[in-house]
Amino acid sequence: MSLFGKLLIIVGVVVLAGGGLIACSPLKALNAVTPGAAYQKTADIPYGANPRQQLDIYIPQKTSPDASVVAGLPVVVFFYGGSWNNGSRKDYAFVG
């Protein structure tokens, strides 16, 4: 096989592999490996009049019989990007 043929095959493989990686969503991959049993989710709590003004609250499951273990955990507030006009809270479940 000529050098040009080998180079053409290599370029084709790289393009196909790159296209496959672009098609994979890193957010979906992170959500897939996040254990769903680790938290309790309360979804779609309104905080304003606009239907899009809703939030989700994630509370860790109690891992100890002592209730103060959950009560003493810090609070994390996360605002997803999306330029305030696209995206979804559901894309970032791994943060909760």
N, C-alpha and C. Protein backbone atom coordinates (compact mmCIF):
# COMPACT_ATOMS: atom_id res chain seq x y z
N MET A 1 0.86 -1.18 0.00
CA MET A 1 0.00 0.00 0.00
C MET A 1 0.90 1.23 0.00
N SER A 2 0.50 2.21 -0.76
CA SER A 2 1.32 3.42 -0.88
C SER A 2 1.21 4.27 0.38
N LEU A 3 2.14 5.19 0.49
CA LEU A 3 2.15 6.11 1.62
C LEU A 3 0.88 6.95 1.64
N PHE A 4 0.42 7.35 0.46
CA PHE A 4 -0.81 8.14 0.37
C PHE A 4 -2.01 7.35 0.88
N GLY A 5 -2.09 6.08 0.54
CA GLY A 5 -3.19 5.22 0.99
C GLY A 5 -3.19 5.06 2.50
N LYS A 6 -2.00 4.84 3.07
CA LYS A 6 -1.89 4.71 4.53
C LYS A 6 -2.30 6.01 5.22
N LEU A 7 -1.84 7.12 4.67
CA LEU A 7 -2.18 8.43 5.25
C LEU A 7 -3.67 8.68 5.16
N LEU A 8 -4.28 8.30 4.07
CA LEU A 8 -5.72 8.47 3.89
C LEU A 8 -6.50 7.64 4.91
N ILE A 9 -6.06 6.43 5.18
CA ILE A 9 -6.72 5.58 6.17
C ILE A 9 -6.58 6.18 7.57
N ILE A 10 -5.39 6.66 7.90
CA ILE A 10 -5.16 7.27 9.22
C ILE A 10 -6.05 8.50 9.40
N VAL A 11 -6.11 9.35 8.40
CA VAL A 11 -6.96 10.55 8.48
C VAL A 11 -8.42 10.15 8.64
N GLY A 12 -8.86 9.14 7.92
CA GLY A 12 -10.25 8.69 8.03
C GLY A 12 -10.58 8.18 9.43
N VAL A 13 -9.67 7.40 10.00
CA VAL A 13 -9.88 6.88 11.36
C VAL A 13 -9.93 8.02 12.36
N VAL A 14 -9.03 8.98 12.24
CA VAL A 14 -9.01 10.12 13.17
C VAL A 14 -10.30 10.94 13.05
N VAL A 15 -10.77 11.16 11.84
CA VAL A 15 -12.00 11.93 11.65
C VAL A 15 -13.20 11.19 12.25
N LEU A 16 -13.29 9.90 12.02
CA LEU A 16 -14.40 9.12 12.59
C LEU A 16 -14.34 9.09 14.11
N ALA A 17 -13.15 8.91 14.66
CA ALA A 17 -13.01 8.88 16.12
C ALA A 17 -13.35 10.25 16.71
N GLY A 18 -12.88 11.30 16.08
CA GLY A 18 -13.19 12.65 16.56
C GLY A 18 -14.67 12.95 16.49
N GLY A 19 -15.32 12.52 15.42
CA GLY A 19 -16.77 12.71 15.31
C GLY A 19 -17.53 11.95 16.38
N GLY A 20 -17.05 10.76 16.71
CA GLY A 20 -17.69 9.99 17.78
C GLY A 20 -17.53 10.66 19.12
N LEU A 21 -16.38 11.24 19.37
CA LEU A 21 -16.17 11.93 20.65
C LEU A 21 -17.01 13.19 20.75
N ILE A 22 -17.15 13.90 19.65
CA ILE A 22 -17.97 15.11 19.66
C ILE A 22 -19.43 14.76 19.91
N ALA A 23 -19.88 13.63 19.39
CA ALA A 23 -21.28 13.22 19.56
C ALA A 23 -21.59 12.82 21.00
N CYS A 24 -20.58 12.41 21.75
CA CYS A 24 -20.80 12.01 23.14
C CYS A 24 -20.89 13.26 24.01
N SER A 25 -21.88 13.29 24.87
CA SER A 25 -22.04 14.43 25.76
C SER A 25 -21.32 14.14 27.07
N PRO A 26 -20.36 14.97 27.45
CA PRO A 26 -19.69 14.74 28.73
C PRO A 26 -20.64 14.88 29.91
N LEU A 27 -21.68 15.71 29.78
CA LEU A 27 -22.65 15.86 30.86
C LEU A 27 -23.44 14.56 31.06
N LYS A 28 -23.83 13.93 29.96
CA LYS A 28 -24.56 12.66 30.07
C LYS A 28 -23.67 11.58 30.67
N ALA A 29 -22.39 11.60 30.32
CA ALA A 29 -21.46 10.62 30.88
C ALA A 29 -21.32 10.81 32.38
N LEU A 30 -21.21 12.05 32.83
CA LEU A 30 -21.10 12.32 34.27
C LEU A 30 -22.38 11.92 35.01
N ASN A 31 -23.53 12.23 34.43
CA ASN A 31 -24.80 11.84 35.06
C ASN A 31 -24.93 10.32 35.14
N ALA A 32 -24.40 9.63 34.13
CA ALA A 32 -24.53 8.17 34.10
C ALA A 32 -23.73 7.49 35.21
N VAL A 33 -22.61 8.09 35.61
CA VAL A 33 -21.78 7.47 36.65
C VAL A 33 -22.08 7.99 38.05
N THR A 34 -23.00 8.94 38.16
CA THR A 34 -23.38 9.46 39.48
C THR A 34 -24.40 8.52 40.10
N PRO A 35 -24.15 8.04 41.32
CA PRO A 35 -25.11 7.12 41.94
C PRO A 35 -26.41 7.83 42.31
N GLY A 36 -27.51 7.39 41.74
CA GLY A 36 -28.81 8.01 41.99
C GLY A 36 -29.34 7.75 43.38
N ALA A 37 -28.86 6.71 44.03
CA ALA A 37 -29.34 6.38 45.38
C ALA A 37 -28.64 7.21 46.45
N ALA A 38 -27.71 8.07 46.06
CA ALA A 38 -26.95 8.84 47.03
C ALA A 38 -27.67 10.10 47.48
N TYR A 39 -28.77 10.44 46.82
CA TYR A 39 -29.46 11.67 47.16
C TYR A 39 -30.97 11.52 47.00
N GLN A 40 -31.68 12.46 47.62
CA GLN A 40 -33.13 12.57 47.44
C GLN A 40 -33.36 13.88 46.70
N LYS A 41 -34.08 13.83 45.58
CA LYS A 41 -34.28 15.01 44.75
C LYS A 41 -35.72 15.50 44.87
N THR A 42 -35.85 16.80 45.11
CA THR A 42 -37.15 17.47 45.04
C THR A 42 -37.07 18.41 43.85
N ALA A 43 -37.87 18.16 42.82
CA ALA A 43 -37.73 18.86 41.55
C ALA A 43 -38.82 19.90 41.32
N ASP A 44 -38.50 20.85 40.46
CA ASP A 44 -39.44 21.83 39.91
C ASP A 44 -40.10 22.69 40.99
N ILE A 45 -39.33 23.19 41.91
CA ILE A 45 -39.85 24.09 42.94
C ILE A 45 -39.83 25.51 42.37
N PRO A 46 -40.99 26.17 42.24
CA PRO A 46 -41.01 27.51 41.65
C PRO A 46 -40.42 28.55 42.61
N TYR A 47 -39.66 29.48 42.03
CA TYR A 47 -39.15 30.60 42.82
C TYR A 47 -39.54 31.94 42.21
N GLY A 48 -40.35 31.91 41.14
CA GLY A 48 -40.83 33.12 40.50
C GLY A 48 -42.06 32.81 39.67
N ALA A 49 -42.59 33.83 39.00
CA ALA A 49 -43.83 33.69 38.23
C ALA A 49 -43.61 33.02 36.87
N ASN A 50 -42.44 33.15 36.31
CA ASN A 50 -42.14 32.57 35.00
C ASN A 50 -42.06 31.04 35.13
N PRO A 51 -42.67 30.30 34.21
CA PRO A 51 -42.63 28.83 34.28
C PRO A 51 -41.21 28.25 34.28
N ARG A 52 -40.26 28.99 33.73
CA ARG A 52 -38.87 28.50 33.72
C ARG A 52 -38.16 28.76 35.03
N GLN A 53 -38.76 29.54 35.91
CA GLN A 53 -38.13 29.86 37.19
C GLN A 53 -38.44 28.77 38.20
N GLN A 54 -37.71 27.69 38.07
CA GLN A 54 -37.88 26.53 38.95
C GLN A 54 -36.49 26.04 39.36
N LEU A 55 -36.44 25.39 40.51
CA LEU A 55 -35.18 24.85 40.96
C LEU A 55 -35.36 23.44 41.49
N ASP A 56 -34.27 22.74 41.57
CA ASP A 56 -34.26 21.39 42.12
C ASP A 56 -33.40 21.40 43.38
N ILE A 57 -33.82 20.65 44.38
CA ILE A 57 -33.05 20.53 45.62
C ILE A 57 -32.62 19.08 45.78
N TYR A 58 -31.34 18.90 46.01
CA TYR A 58 -30.76 17.57 46.23
C TYR A 58 -30.32 17.48 47.68
N ILE A 59 -30.81 16.49 48.38
CA ILE A 59 -30.45 16.27 49.78
C ILE A 59 -29.77 14.91 49.87
N PRO A 60 -28.59 14.85 50.49
CA PRO A 60 -27.92 13.55 50.60
C PRO A 60 -28.74 12.56 51.41
N GLN A 61 -28.69 11.31 51.01
CA GLN A 61 -29.34 10.27 51.80
C GLN A 61 -28.57 10.12 53.11
N LYS A 62 -29.29 9.82 54.14
CA LYS A 62 -28.66 9.62 55.44
C LYS A 62 -27.81 8.36 55.39
N THR A 63 -26.53 8.52 55.66
CA THR A 63 -25.63 7.36 55.66
C THR A 63 -25.31 6.92 57.08
N SER A 64 -25.85 7.62 58.04
CA SER A 64 -25.59 7.31 59.44
C SER A 64 -26.90 7.42 60.21
N PRO A 65 -27.08 6.65 61.26
CA PRO A 65 -28.30 6.78 62.06
C PRO A 65 -28.39 8.14 62.76
N ASP A 66 -27.26 8.85 62.82
CA ASP A 66 -27.23 10.16 63.46
C ASP A 66 -27.72 11.21 62.47
N ALA A 67 -28.88 11.83 62.72
CA ALA A 67 -29.46 12.81 61.80
C ALA A 67 -28.58 14.04 61.65
N SER A 68 -27.75 14.33 62.63
CA SER A 68 -26.91 15.52 62.55
C SER A 68 -25.83 15.40 61.47
N VAL A 69 -25.56 14.18 61.01
CA VAL A 69 -24.57 14.00 59.95
C VAL A 69 -25.06 14.70 58.68
N VAL A 70 -26.32 14.54 58.33
CA VAL A 70 -26.89 15.21 57.16
C VAL A 70 -27.10 16.69 57.45
N ALA A 71 -27.56 17.02 58.64
CA ALA A 71 -27.85 18.40 58.99
C ALA A 71 -26.60 19.27 58.99
N GLY A 72 -25.43 18.70 59.23
CA GLY A 72 -24.22 19.48 59.31
C GLY A 72 -23.48 19.66 57.99
N LEU A 73 -24.01 19.15 56.90
CA LEU A 73 -23.34 19.26 55.61
C LEU A 73 -23.47 20.67 55.04
N PRO A 74 -22.47 21.11 54.27
CA PRO A 74 -22.55 22.45 53.68
C PRO A 74 -23.60 22.51 52.57
N VAL A 75 -24.00 23.72 52.23
CA VAL A 75 -24.95 23.96 51.14
C VAL A 75 -24.17 24.42 49.91
N VAL A 76 -24.48 23.83 48.77
CA VAL A 76 -23.85 24.22 47.52
C VAL A 76 -24.94 24.77 46.61
N VAL A 77 -24.74 25.97 46.07
CA VAL A 77 -25.68 26.57 45.13
C VAL A 77 -25.00 26.56 43.76
N PHE A 78 -25.68 25.98 42.77
CA PHE A 78 -25.11 25.85 41.44
C PHE A 78 -26.08 26.42 40.42
N PHE A 79 -25.63 27.37 39.62
CA PHE A 79 -26.42 27.93 38.52
C PHE A 79 -25.79 27.41 37.22
N TYR A 80 -26.57 26.66 36.46
CA TYR A 80 -26.02 26.15 35.20
C TYR A 80 -25.98 27.28 34.19
N GLY A 81 -25.10 27.17 33.22
CA GLY A 81 -24.91 28.22 32.21
C GLY A 81 -26.02 28.26 31.20
N GLY A 82 -25.69 28.19 29.96
CA GLY A 82 -26.71 28.21 28.91
C GLY A 82 -27.09 29.62 28.51
N SER A 83 -26.30 30.60 28.87
CA SER A 83 -26.56 31.99 28.51
C SER A 83 -27.95 32.44 28.93
N TRP A 84 -28.49 31.81 29.95
CA TRP A 84 -29.81 32.12 30.50
C TRP A 84 -30.95 31.89 29.52
N ASN A 85 -30.68 31.23 28.37
CA ASN A 85 -31.78 31.00 27.44
C ASN A 85 -31.83 29.59 26.86
N ASN A 86 -30.89 28.72 27.22
CA ASN A 86 -31.00 27.33 26.78
C ASN A 86 -30.29 26.44 27.80
N GLY A 87 -30.39 25.16 27.61
CA GLY A 87 -29.86 24.21 28.58
C GLY A 87 -30.95 23.74 29.51
N SER A 88 -30.60 22.86 30.41
CA SER A 88 -31.59 22.28 31.31
C SER A 88 -30.94 21.94 32.64
N ARG A 89 -31.71 22.10 33.70
CA ARG A 89 -31.22 21.70 35.02
C ARG A 89 -30.90 20.21 35.04
N LYS A 90 -31.66 19.44 34.30
CA LYS A 90 -31.50 17.99 34.29
C LYS A 90 -30.14 17.56 33.73
N ASP A 91 -29.51 18.42 32.94
CA ASP A 91 -28.20 18.10 32.38
C ASP A 91 -27.12 18.06 33.46
N TYR A 92 -27.37 18.70 34.58
CA TYR A 92 -26.35 18.85 35.62
C TYR A 92 -26.70 18.12 36.91
N ALA A 93 -27.38 17.01 36.81
CA ALA A 93 -27.77 16.24 38.00
C ALA A 93 -26.54 15.77 38.78
N PHE A 94 -25.41 15.56 38.11
CA PHE A 94 -24.21 15.09 38.79
C PHE A 94 -23.70 16.10 39.82
N VAL A 95 -24.03 17.37 39.67
CA VAL A 95 -23.60 18.38 40.64
C VAL A 95 -24.32 18.18 41.96
N GLY A 96 -25.61 17.81 41.88
CA GLY A 96 -26.39 17.58 43.10
C GLY A 96 -25.92 16.37 43.82
